[in-house]
Amino acid sequence: MILGREELASRICADRANGSRVVLANGCFDVLHVGHVRYLAGARELGDVLVVGVNSDEQVARLKGPGRPILPEIERAEIVAALESVTYVTVFSEPTVKELLLTLKPDVHAKGTDYTEDSVPERDVVRSYGGRVAIVGDPKDHSTSAILARLGGET
């Protein structure tokens, strides 16, 4: 289910009132691959509700460079929302996930294995409200850039 921030915050509040543990994962998810699926499945194992923040088109272009994203944000969000492990999806346009974290205050902020708990940029934000950071997924052996390079496209 794809939701705007206000409705998402309301749903999370209701989920928490019912005793649910909330996990937030985020990323660009431009050309979904098995690494993304494993990351999100690992994140879901940490709680009852998995919220996925998908970077806006503007932020993907800033982070990944010319030619990106391949798919527009609403399509990326829809594909991520279709995964069994995902409860809610929202698109965020800020340069970092900090504002989304502060709005939702998830119990766990899940990041991929290209990070350590101490290298997650938002770790201090998560700890400031009593949440924790967790590293999930398989080794970073998959990437959209590598897939595009194999196809002869832009990276």
Protein backbone atom coordinates (compact mmCIF):
# COMPACT_ATOMS: atom_id res chain seq x y z
CA MET A 1 0.00 0.00 0.00
CA ILE A 2 1.48 3.34 -1.07
CA LEU A 3 0.69 6.19 1.30
CA GLY A 4 1.51 9.85 1.77
CA ARG A 5 3.36 10.76 4.94
CA GLU A 6 0.36 12.01 6.90
CA GLU A 7 -1.79 8.93 6.27
CA LEU A 8 1.22 6.69 6.85
CA ALA A 9 1.88 8.29 10.25
CA SER A 10 -1.76 7.71 11.18
CA ARG A 11 -1.61 4.04 10.16
CA ILE A 12 1.64 3.52 12.06
CA CYS A 13 0.06 5.06 15.16
CA ALA A 14 -2.84 2.59 14.88
CA ASP A 15 -0.47 -0.34 14.25
CA ARG A 16 1.55 0.58 17.34
CA ALA A 17 -1.64 0.82 19.43
CA ASN A 18 -2.29 -2.79 18.39
CA GLY A 19 1.17 -3.83 19.63
CA SER A 20 2.97 -3.94 16.28
CA ARG A 21 6.72 -3.49 16.05
CA VAL A 22 7.57 -1.10 13.19
CA VAL A 23 10.61 -1.36 10.90
CA LEU A 24 11.69 1.22 8.33
CA ALA A 25 13.88 0.43 5.33
CA ASN A 26 14.71 2.84 2.53
CA GLY A 27 16.39 3.09 -0.84
CA CYS A 28 16.14 3.99 -4.50
CA PHE A 29 14.93 0.57 -5.69
CA ASP A 30 15.61 1.51 -9.31
CA VAL A 31 15.39 -1.78 -11.27
CA LEU A 32 14.50 -4.16 -8.45
CA HIS A 33 16.87 -7.11 -8.02
CA VAL A 34 17.37 -10.04 -5.66
CA GLY A 35 19.55 -7.98 -3.30
CA HIS A 36 16.61 -5.62 -2.76
CA VAL A 37 14.23 -8.53 -2.14
CA ARG A 38 16.59 -10.10 0.41
CA TYR A 39 17.18 -6.75 2.15
CA LEU A 40 13.45 -6.12 2.53
CA ALA A 41 12.72 -9.70 3.62
CA GLY A 42 15.45 -9.40 6.27
CA ALA A 43 14.01 -6.08 7.43
CA ARG A 44 10.52 -7.56 7.78
CA GLU A 45 11.87 -10.33 10.01
CA LEU A 46 12.69 -7.64 12.59
CA GLY A 47 9.09 -6.56 13.11
CA ASP A 48 5.42 -6.83 12.34
CA VAL A 49 5.10 -3.85 9.98
CA LEU A 50 7.63 -2.96 7.29
CA VAL A 51 7.56 0.58 5.95
CA VAL A 52 9.72 1.26 2.90
CA GLY A 53 10.80 4.79 2.03
CA VAL A 54 11.50 5.12 -1.70
CA ASN A 55 13.71 8.02 -2.79
CA SER A 56 11.99 10.51 -5.11
CA ASP A 57 13.08 10.81 -8.74
CA GLU A 58 14.91 14.05 -7.94
CA GLN A 59 16.92 12.42 -5.15
CA VAL A 60 17.74 9.32 -7.21
CA ALA A 61 19.12 11.57 -9.96
CA ARG A 62 21.19 13.43 -7.39
CA LEU A 63 22.49 10.22 -5.78
CA LYS A 64 23.01 8.07 -8.88
CA GLY A 65 23.74 10.59 -11.63
CA PRO A 66 22.67 11.15 -15.23
CA GLY A 67 20.19 8.70 -16.72
CA ARG A 68 18.74 7.69 -13.37
CA PRO A 69 16.25 6.73 -12.24
CA ILE A 70 15.34 4.22 -14.90
CA LEU A 71 11.80 3.89 -13.55
CA PRO A 72 9.71 6.79 -12.20
CA GLU A 73 9.09 6.98 -8.44
CA ILE A 74 5.45 5.89 -8.57
CA GLU A 75 6.36 2.74 -10.53
CA ARG A 76 9.27 1.96 -8.20
CA ALA A 77 6.93 2.42 -5.22
CA GLU A 78 4.29 0.15 -6.78
CA ILE A 79 6.81 -2.61 -7.47
CA VAL A 80 8.17 -2.45 -3.91
CA ALA A 81 4.62 -2.41 -2.49
CA ALA A 82 3.87 -5.65 -4.36
CA LEU A 83 6.50 -7.56 -2.36
CA GLU A 84 5.11 -9.91 0.27
CA SER A 85 7.39 -8.58 2.99
CA VAL A 86 6.31 -4.93 2.56
CA THR A 87 3.40 -3.42 4.48
CA TYR A 88 3.54 0.25 3.45
CA VAL A 89 5.52 2.32 0.96
CA THR A 90 6.02 6.06 0.87
CA VAL A 91 8.06 8.25 -1.46
CA PHE A 92 10.29 10.79 0.26
CA SER A 93 11.88 13.80 -1.37
CA GLU A 94 14.36 14.93 1.27
CA PRO A 95 18.08 14.21 0.73
CA THR A 96 18.09 11.79 3.69
CA VAL A 97 15.51 9.66 5.47
CA LYS A 98 15.92 11.72 8.68
CA GLU A 99 12.53 13.49 8.48
CA LEU A 100 10.71 10.24 7.81
CA LEU A 101 12.45 8.64 10.78
CA LEU A 102 11.46 11.53 13.04
CA THR A 103 7.85 11.39 11.83
CA LEU A 104 7.39 7.63 12.19
CA LYS A 105 9.93 6.81 14.93
CA PRO A 106 10.20 3.17 13.86
CA ASP A 107 11.42 0.66 16.42
CA VAL A 108 14.09 -0.46 13.95
CA HIS A 109 15.79 1.30 11.06
CA ALA A 110 17.06 -1.45 8.74
CA LYS A 111 19.98 -0.84 6.38
CA GLY A 112 21.79 -3.11 3.94
CA THR A 113 25.10 -4.86 4.39
CA ASP A 114 27.02 -2.06 2.70
CA TYR A 115 26.74 -0.38 6.13
CA THR A 116 27.68 -1.24 9.69
CA GLU A 117 25.55 -0.14 12.63
CA ASP A 118 28.09 2.62 13.30
CA SER A 119 28.31 3.84 9.70
CA VAL A 120 24.56 4.36 9.12
CA PRO A 121 24.26 8.13 8.55
CA GLU A 122 21.00 8.41 10.50
CA ARG A 123 22.10 6.30 13.48
CA ASP A 124 22.11 9.25 15.90
CA VAL A 125 18.60 10.26 14.82
CA VAL A 126 17.33 6.72 15.41
CA ARG A 127 19.01 6.48 18.80
CA SER A 128 17.66 9.93 19.80
CA TYR A 129 14.12 8.58 20.07
CA GLY A 130 15.06 5.14 21.45
CA GLY A 131 15.08 3.14 18.20
CA ARG A 132 17.81 0.84 17.00
CA VAL A 133 19.69 0.33 13.77
CA ALA A 134 19.99 -3.15 12.26
CA ILE A 135 21.95 -4.44 9.28
CA VAL A 136 20.08 -6.96 7.13
CA GLY A 137 20.21 -8.69 3.76
CA ASP A 138 22.83 -10.60 1.90
CA PRO A 139 26.32 -9.35 1.02
CA LYS A 140 26.30 -6.41 -1.41
CA ASP A 141 26.87 -8.65 -4.45
CA HIS A 142 24.03 -7.14 -6.48
CA SER A 143 23.52 -3.65 -7.83
CA THR A 144 21.35 -1.85 -10.32
CA SER A 145 24.48 -0.16 -11.72
CA ALA A 146 26.05 -3.56 -12.44
CA ILE A 147 22.86 -4.78 -14.12
CA LEU A 148 22.73 -1.66 -16.30
CA ALA A 149 26.40 -2.04 -17.21
CA ARG A 150 25.78 -5.63 -18.31
CA LEU A 151 22.91 -4.41 -20.46
CA GLY A 152 25.10 -1.71 -21.96
CA GLY A 153 23.07 1.05 -20.36
CA GLU A 154 24.05 3.95 -18.19
CA THR A 155 25.28 3.32 -14.65
